[in-house]
Amino acid sequence: QVQLVESGGGSVQAGGSLRLSCAASGHTYSGVCMGWFRQATGNEREGVAAINGDGTTSYADSVKGRFTISQDNAKNTLYLQMNSLKPEDTAMYYCAAVGTMTAIGALTAMTHGNMAYWGQGTQVTVSS
């Protein structure tokens, strides 16, 4: 079992920044692809960013150049730095342990709901 707890969400104005954190505990292990997905009310789930065990990253086109995923293996913590936020970024953001796969594959997996574990989510609201 893996427990994932997100934090760092909040309300910001367009153009602002937020940094999400995800603390992992339980049977965590290196090599697993981790990621962030989001879901806004009435919208489908979207894989936003993923990072492989070797540090390879992948991003959805909608956030490329604005969001950065990173991880601190010593702290078992995953991060999502979000800059230049837009109102359309408003959603519940979830951290996920996707599985052993490429970062690109993890984006697709999260979009289709194929994650091994995920957290309770943290709300991000961006006002115009």
N, C-alpha and C. Protein backbone atom coordinates (compact mmCIF):
# COMPACT_ATOMS: atom_id res chain seq x y z
N GLN A 1 0.83 -1.19 0.00
CA GLN A 1 0.00 0.00 0.00
C GLN A 1 0.87 1.24 0.00
N VAL A 2 0.43 2.24 -0.75
CA VAL A 2 1.11 3.53 -0.81
C VAL A 2 0.10 4.61 -0.44
N GLN A 3 0.49 5.48 0.46
CA GLN A 3 -0.36 6.61 0.82
C GLN A 3 0.23 7.88 0.23
N LEU A 4 -0.62 8.67 -0.39
CA LEU A 4 -0.21 9.92 -1.02
C LEU A 4 -1.06 11.05 -0.47
N VAL A 5 -0.39 12.10 -0.01
CA VAL A 5 -1.10 13.24 0.57
C VAL A 5 -0.63 14.52 -0.11
N GLU A 6 -1.56 15.18 -0.79
CA GLU A 6 -1.25 16.42 -1.50
C GLU A 6 -1.46 17.63 -0.61
N SER A 7 -0.72 18.68 -0.92
CA SER A 7 -0.89 19.96 -0.24
C SER A 7 -0.42 21.07 -1.17
N GLY A 8 -0.75 22.31 -0.80
CA GLY A 8 -0.25 23.45 -1.56
C GLY A 8 -1.25 24.11 -2.47
N GLY A 9 -2.45 23.55 -2.58
CA GLY A 9 -3.45 24.18 -3.42
C GLY A 9 -3.94 25.48 -2.80
N GLY A 10 -4.73 26.22 -3.56
CA GLY A 10 -5.27 27.47 -3.07
C GLY A 10 -5.89 28.28 -4.18
N SER A 11 -6.15 29.54 -3.87
CA SER A 11 -6.76 30.46 -4.84
C SER A 11 -5.74 31.53 -5.22
N VAL A 12 -5.57 31.73 -6.51
CA VAL A 12 -4.64 32.75 -7.00
C VAL A 12 -5.26 33.46 -8.18
N GLN A 13 -4.71 34.61 -8.51
CA GLN A 13 -5.16 35.31 -9.70
C GLN A 13 -4.39 34.81 -10.91
N ALA A 14 -4.97 35.02 -12.07
CA ALA A 14 -4.31 34.62 -13.31
C ALA A 14 -2.92 35.24 -13.38
N GLY A 15 -1.97 34.42 -13.82
CA GLY A 15 -0.59 34.87 -13.89
C GLY A 15 0.22 34.51 -12.66
N GLY A 16 -0.45 34.08 -11.62
CA GLY A 16 0.21 33.74 -10.37
C GLY A 16 0.81 32.34 -10.40
N SER A 17 1.39 31.95 -9.27
CA SER A 17 2.07 30.66 -9.16
C SER A 17 1.63 29.92 -7.91
N LEU A 18 1.71 28.62 -7.98
CA LEU A 18 1.49 27.75 -6.83
C LEU A 18 2.45 26.57 -6.93
N ARG A 19 2.80 26.01 -5.79
CA ARG A 19 3.63 24.82 -5.76
C ARG A 19 2.89 23.74 -4.98
N LEU A 20 2.57 22.68 -5.66
CA LEU A 20 1.91 21.56 -5.02
C LEU A 20 2.96 20.56 -4.54
N SER A 21 2.66 19.93 -3.41
CA SER A 21 3.53 18.89 -2.88
C SER A 21 2.73 17.63 -2.65
N CYS A 22 3.40 16.50 -2.74
CA CYS A 22 2.75 15.22 -2.50
C CYS A 22 3.71 14.36 -1.68
N ALA A 23 3.31 14.08 -0.45
CA ALA A 23 4.12 13.25 0.43
C ALA A 23 3.69 11.80 0.30
N ALA A 24 4.65 10.94 0.00
CA ALA A 24 4.37 9.52 -0.19
C ALA A 24 4.87 8.72 1.01
N SER A 25 4.10 7.74 1.40
CA SER A 25 4.51 6.86 2.49
C SER A 25 3.99 5.46 2.20
N GLY A 26 4.46 4.51 2.98
CA GLY A 26 4.07 3.13 2.75
C GLY A 26 5.12 2.42 1.93
N HIS A 27 4.70 1.53 1.07
CA HIS A 27 5.62 0.73 0.28
C HIS A 27 6.02 1.46 -1.00
N THR A 28 6.72 2.59 -0.80
CA THR A 28 7.20 3.33 -1.95
C THR A 28 8.49 2.71 -2.45
N TYR A 29 8.77 2.83 -3.71
CA TYR A 29 10.02 2.31 -4.25
C TYR A 29 10.40 3.09 -5.48
N SER A 30 11.69 3.17 -5.72
CA SER A 30 12.17 3.93 -6.87
C SER A 30 11.84 3.18 -8.15
N GLY A 31 11.83 3.90 -9.25
CA GLY A 31 11.52 3.30 -10.53
C GLY A 31 10.06 3.41 -10.92
N VAL A 32 9.21 3.72 -9.96
CA VAL A 32 7.79 3.89 -10.28
C VAL A 32 7.57 5.27 -10.87
N CYS A 33 6.80 5.34 -11.91
CA CYS A 33 6.47 6.63 -12.52
C CYS A 33 5.41 7.32 -11.67
N MET A 34 5.70 8.55 -11.29
CA MET A 34 4.77 9.35 -10.51
C MET A 34 4.22 10.47 -11.37
N GLY A 35 3.08 11.01 -10.98
CA GLY A 35 2.53 12.08 -11.79
C GLY A 35 1.44 12.86 -11.09
N TRP A 36 0.96 13.84 -11.80
CA TRP A 36 -0.16 14.67 -11.36
C TRP A 36 -1.24 14.64 -12.44
N PHE A 37 -2.46 14.49 -12.02
CA PHE A 37 -3.58 14.65 -12.93
C PHE A 37 -4.58 15.61 -12.29
N ARG A 38 -5.46 16.12 -13.10
CA ARG A 38 -6.45 17.07 -12.59
C ARG A 38 -7.82 16.76 -13.16
N GLN A 39 -8.80 17.22 -12.44
CA GLN A 39 -10.17 17.05 -12.90
C GLN A 39 -10.99 18.23 -12.43
N ALA A 40 -11.54 18.95 -13.37
CA ALA A 40 -12.43 20.06 -13.06
C ALA A 40 -13.87 19.56 -13.10
N THR A 41 -14.73 20.23 -12.39
CA THR A 41 -16.13 19.85 -12.34
C THR A 41 -16.71 19.82 -13.74
N GLY A 42 -17.28 18.69 -14.11
CA GLY A 42 -17.89 18.56 -15.42
C GLY A 42 -16.93 18.22 -16.54
N ASN A 43 -15.66 18.15 -16.21
CA ASN A 43 -14.65 17.85 -17.23
C ASN A 43 -14.05 16.45 -17.01
N GLU A 44 -13.42 15.96 -18.05
CA GLU A 44 -12.75 14.66 -17.93
C GLU A 44 -11.40 14.81 -17.22
N ARG A 45 -10.94 13.72 -16.68
CA ARG A 45 -9.63 13.68 -16.05
C ARG A 45 -8.56 13.97 -17.09
N GLU A 46 -7.52 14.69 -16.67
CA GLU A 46 -6.41 15.00 -17.58
C GLU A 46 -5.08 14.75 -16.89
N GLY A 47 -4.26 13.91 -17.47
CA GLY A 47 -2.90 13.74 -16.99
C GLY A 47 -2.12 15.01 -17.28
N VAL A 48 -1.52 15.60 -16.27
CA VAL A 48 -0.87 16.90 -16.43
C VAL A 48 0.64 16.77 -16.57
N ALA A 49 1.25 16.00 -15.69
CA ALA A 49 2.71 15.88 -15.71
C ALA A 49 3.10 14.55 -15.09
N ALA A 50 4.19 14.00 -15.57
CA ALA A 50 4.67 12.73 -15.04
C ALA A 50 6.19 12.73 -15.02
N ILE A 51 6.74 11.95 -14.10
CA ILE A 51 8.19 11.83 -14.00
C ILE A 51 8.54 10.38 -13.76
N ASN A 52 9.50 9.89 -14.53
CA ASN A 52 9.92 8.50 -14.43
C ASN A 52 10.98 8.37 -13.34
N GLY A 53 11.32 7.16 -13.01
CA GLY A 53 12.31 6.91 -11.98
C GLY A 53 13.69 7.46 -12.34
N ASP A 54 13.96 7.60 -13.64
CA ASP A 54 15.26 8.12 -14.05
C ASP A 54 15.23 9.64 -14.24
N GLY A 55 14.09 10.26 -13.90
CA GLY A 55 13.98 11.71 -13.99
C GLY A 55 13.41 12.23 -15.29
N THR A 56 13.10 11.34 -16.21
CA THR A 56 12.48 11.77 -17.46
C THR A 56 11.08 12.30 -17.18
N THR A 57 10.76 13.43 -17.79
CA THR A 57 9.45 14.06 -17.54
C THR A 57 8.63 14.15 -18.82
N SER A 58 7.33 14.32 -18.63
CA SER A 58 6.43 14.52 -19.75
C SER A 58 5.29 15.40 -19.27
N TYR A 59 4.78 16.24 -20.17
CA TYR A 59 3.75 17.20 -19.81
C TYR A 59 2.63 17.21 -20.84
N ALA A 60 1.44 17.50 -20.36
CA ALA A 60 0.34 17.75 -21.28
C ALA A 60 0.63 19.04 -22.03
N ASP A 61 0.17 19.11 -23.27
CA ASP A 61 0.40 20.32 -24.07
C ASP A 61 -0.18 21.56 -23.40
N SER A 62 -1.26 21.38 -22.66
CA SER A 62 -1.94 22.51 -22.04
C SER A 62 -1.11 23.19 -20.94
N VAL A 63 -0.09 22.49 -20.42
CA VAL A 63 0.71 23.05 -19.32
C VAL A 63 2.19 23.16 -19.66
N LYS A 64 2.56 22.67 -20.82
CA LYS A 64 3.97 22.65 -21.19
C LYS A 64 4.54 24.07 -21.19
N GLY A 65 5.70 24.22 -20.57
CA GLY A 65 6.34 25.53 -20.46
C GLY A 65 5.90 26.33 -19.26
N ARG A 66 4.85 25.89 -18.59
CA ARG A 66 4.35 26.62 -17.41
C ARG A 66 4.48 25.79 -16.14
N PHE A 67 4.33 24.49 -16.23
CA PHE A 67 4.39 23.61 -15.08
C PHE A 67 5.69 22.81 -15.10
N THR A 68 6.20 22.52 -13.90
CA THR A 68 7.40 21.71 -13.77
C THR A 68 7.20 20.67 -12.68
N ILE A 69 7.40 19.41 -13.04
CA ILE A 69 7.29 18.33 -12.06
C ILE A 69 8.69 17.96 -11.59
N SER A 70 8.81 17.65 -10.31
CA SER A 70 10.10 17.24 -9.76
C SER A 70 9.84 16.33 -8.57
N GLN A 71 10.88 15.65 -8.15
CA GLN A 71 10.74 14.78 -6.99
C GLN A 71 12.01 14.80 -6.15
N ASP A 72 11.82 14.63 -4.86
CA ASP A 72 12.91 14.53 -3.91
C ASP A 72 12.82 13.13 -3.32
N ASN A 73 13.63 12.22 -3.84
CA ASN A 73 13.55 10.83 -3.41
C ASN A 73 13.91 10.66 -1.93
N ALA A 74 14.81 11.50 -1.44
CA ALA A 74 15.20 11.41 -0.04
C ALA A 74 14.03 11.72 0.88
N LYS A 75 13.16 12.60 0.42
CA LYS A 75 12.00 13.00 1.23
C LYS A 75 10.72 12.30 0.80
N ASN A 76 10.82 11.43 -0.22
CA ASN A 76 9.62 10.76 -0.75
C ASN A 76 8.53 11.78 -1.07
N THR A 77 8.92 12.86 -1.72
CA THR A 77 7.98 13.93 -2.02
C THR A 77 8.02 14.29 -3.49
N LEU A 78 6.84 14.47 -4.05
CA LEU A 78 6.68 14.88 -5.44
C LEU A 78 6.17 16.31 -5.45
N TYR A 79 6.63 17.09 -6.43
CA TYR A 79 6.23 18.49 -6.51
C TYR A 79 5.67 18.82 -7.87
N LEU A 80 4.85 19.86 -7.91
CA LEU A 80 4.40 20.43 -9.18
C LEU A 80 4.44 21.94 -9.03
N GLN A 81 5.41 22.55 -9.68
CA GLN A 81 5.50 24.00 -9.70
C GLN A 81 4.66 24.51 -10.85
N MET A 82 3.70 25.36 -10.54
CA MET A 82 2.78 25.87 -11.55
C MET A 82 2.94 27.38 -11.65
N ASN A 83 3.37 27.82 -12.81
CA ASN A 83 3.56 29.25 -13.06
C ASN A 83 2.61 29.72 -14.15
N SER A 84 2.45 31.02 -14.24
CA SER A 84 1.59 31.62 -15.27
C SER A 84 0.23 30.94 -15.32
N LEU A 85 -0.36 30.79 -14.16
CA LEU A 85 -1.62 30.08 -14.06
C LEU A 85 -2.73 30.80 -14.81
N LYS A 86 -3.63 30.01 -15.37
CA LYS A 86 -4.76 30.52 -16.13
C LYS A 86 -6.06 30.04 -15.49
N PRO A 87 -7.16 30.74 -15.72
CA PRO A 87 -8.44 30.28 -15.15
C PRO A 87 -8.78 28.84 -15.55
N GLU A 88 -8.37 28.44 -16.74
CA GLU A 88 -8.67 27.07 -17.18
C GLU A 88 -7.84 26.02 -16.46
N ASP A 89 -6.89 26.44 -15.64
CA ASP A 89 -6.15 25.50 -14.79
C ASP A 89 -6.92 25.15 -13.52
N THR A 90 -8.03 25.83 -13.29
CA THR A 90 -8.83 25.55 -12.11
C THR A 90 -9.33 24.12 -12.12
N ALA A 91 -9.01 23.38 -11.06
CA ALA A 91 -9.38 21.96 -10.97
C ALA A 91 -8.92 21.41 -9.63
N MET A 92 -9.35 20.19 -9.36
CA MET A 92 -8.78 19.42 -8.25
C MET A 92 -7.56 18.70 -8.81
N TYR A 93 -6.45 18.85 -8.13
CA TYR A 93 -5.21 18.23 -8.58
C TYR A 93 -4.87 17.04 -7.69
N TYR A 94 -4.53 15.94 -8.33
CA TYR A 94 -4.24 14.71 -7.63
C TYR A 94 -2.83 14.23 -7.95
N CYS A 95 -2.19 13.70 -6.95
CA CYS A 95 -0.90 13.04 -7.11
C CYS A 95 -1.16 11.56 -7.32
N ALA A 96 -0.35 10.92 -8.14
CA ALA A 96 -0.57 9.51 -8.42
C ALA A 96 0.74 8.75 -8.54
N ALA A 97 0.71 7.53 -8.06
CA ALA A 97 1.77 6.55 -8.35
C ALA A 97 1.21 5.70 -9.48
N VAL A 98 1.75 5.89 -10.68
CA VAL A 98 1.12 5.32 -11.86
C VAL A 98 1.55 3.88 -12.08
N GLY A 99 2.84 3.64 -12.03
CA GLY A 99 3.33 2.29 -12.29
C GLY A 99 4.67 2.34 -12.98
N THR A 100 5.14 1.19 -13.40
CA THR A 100 6.43 1.10 -14.07
C THR A 100 6.21 1.27 -15.57
N MET A 101 6.48 2.48 -16.06
CA MET A 101 6.24 2.80 -17.46
C MET A 101 6.98 4.08 -17.80
N THR A 102 6.88 4.50 -19.06
CA THR A 102 7.50 5.76 -19.44
C THR A 102 6.66 6.92 -18.93
N ALA A 103 7.28 8.09 -18.88
CA ALA A 103 6.55 9.28 -18.43
C ALA A 103 5.41 9.61 -19.41
N ILE A 104 5.65 9.44 -20.69
CA ILE A 104 4.60 9.69 -21.68
C ILE A 104 3.45 8.70 -21.48
N GLY A 105 3.78 7.46 -21.24
CA GLY A 105 2.76 6.47 -20.99
C GLY A 105 1.95 6.76 -19.73
N ALA A 106 2.62 7.34 -18.75
CA ALA A 106 1.95 7.66 -17.50
C ALA A 106 0.91 8.76 -17.70
N LEU A 107 1.19 9.71 -18.57
CA LEU A 107 0.19 10.76 -18.86
C LEU A 107 -1.08 10.14 -19.40
N THR A 108 -0.93 9.25 -20.35
CA THR A 108 -2.09 8.58 -20.93
C THR A 108 -2.80 7.73 -19.89
N ALA A 109 -2.01 7.02 -19.09
CA ALA A 109 -2.61 6.15 -18.07
C ALA A 109 -3.45 6.97 -17.10
N MET A 110 -2.93 8.10 -16.67
CA MET A 110 -3.68 8.92 -15.71
C MET A 110 -4.95 9.46 -16.36
N THR A 111 -4.87 9.87 -17.61
CA THR A 111 -6.06 10.40 -18.29
C THR A 111 -7.15 9.35 -18.35
N HIS A 112 -6.75 8.08 -18.45
CA HIS A 112 -7.73 6.99 -18.54
C HIS A 112 -8.02 6.34 -17.19
N GLY A 113 -7.48 6.92 -16.14
CA GLY A 113 -7.79 6.41 -14.80
C GLY A 113 -7.04 5.17 -14.41
N ASN A 114 -5.93 4.87 -15.08
CA ASN A 114 -5.16 3.67 -14.80
C ASN A 114 -3.97 3.98 -13.90
N MET A 115 -4.26 4.34 -12.65
CA MET A 115 -3.22 4.60 -11.68
C MET A 115 -3.27 3.54 -10.59
N ALA A 116 -2.09 3.23 -10.04
CA ALA A 116 -2.06 2.25 -8.97
C ALA A 116 -2.58 2.87 -7.66
N TYR A 117 -2.14 4.07 -7.37
CA TYR A 117 -2.55 4.77 -6.16
C TYR A 117 -2.69 6.26 -6.47
N TRP A 118 -3.55 6.94 -5.73
CA TRP A 118 -3.67 8.38 -5.85
C TRP A 118 -4.14 8.96 -4.53
N GLY A 119 -3.94 10.26 -4.37
CA GLY A 119 -4.28 10.93 -3.13
C GLY A 119 -5.69 11.48 -3.13
N GLN A 120 -5.98 12.29 -2.12
CA GLN A 120 -7.33 12.84 -1.97
C GLN A 120 -7.52 14.13 -2.77
N GLY A 121 -6.45 14.69 -3.26
CA GLY A 121 -6.53 15.88 -4.10
C GLY A 121 -6.39 17.17 -3.34
N THR A 122 -6.00 18.22 -4.06
CA THR A 122 -5.92 19.56 -3.51
C THR A 122 -6.49 20.52 -4.56
N GLN A 123 -7.33 21.42 -4.11
CA GLN A 123 -8.04 22.31 -5.04
C GLN A 123 -7.18 23.49 -5.45
N VAL A 124 -7.17 23.77 -6.75
CA VAL A 124 -6.51 24.95 -7.30
C VAL A 124 -7.57 25.77 -8.01
N THR A 125 -7.69 27.02 -7.62
CA THR A 125 -8.66 27.93 -8.23
C THR A 125 -7.94 29.16 -8.73
N VAL A 126 -8.09 29.45 -10.01
CA VAL A 126 -7.43 30.60 -10.63
C VAL A 126 -8.50 31.55 -11.13
N SER A 127 -8.47 32.77 -10.63
CA SER A 127 -9.46 33.77 -11.01
C SER A 127 -8.87 34.73 -12.03
N SER A 128 -9.75 35.24 -12.88
CA SER A 128 -9.28 36.15 -13.95
C SER A 128 -9.27 37.60 -13.48
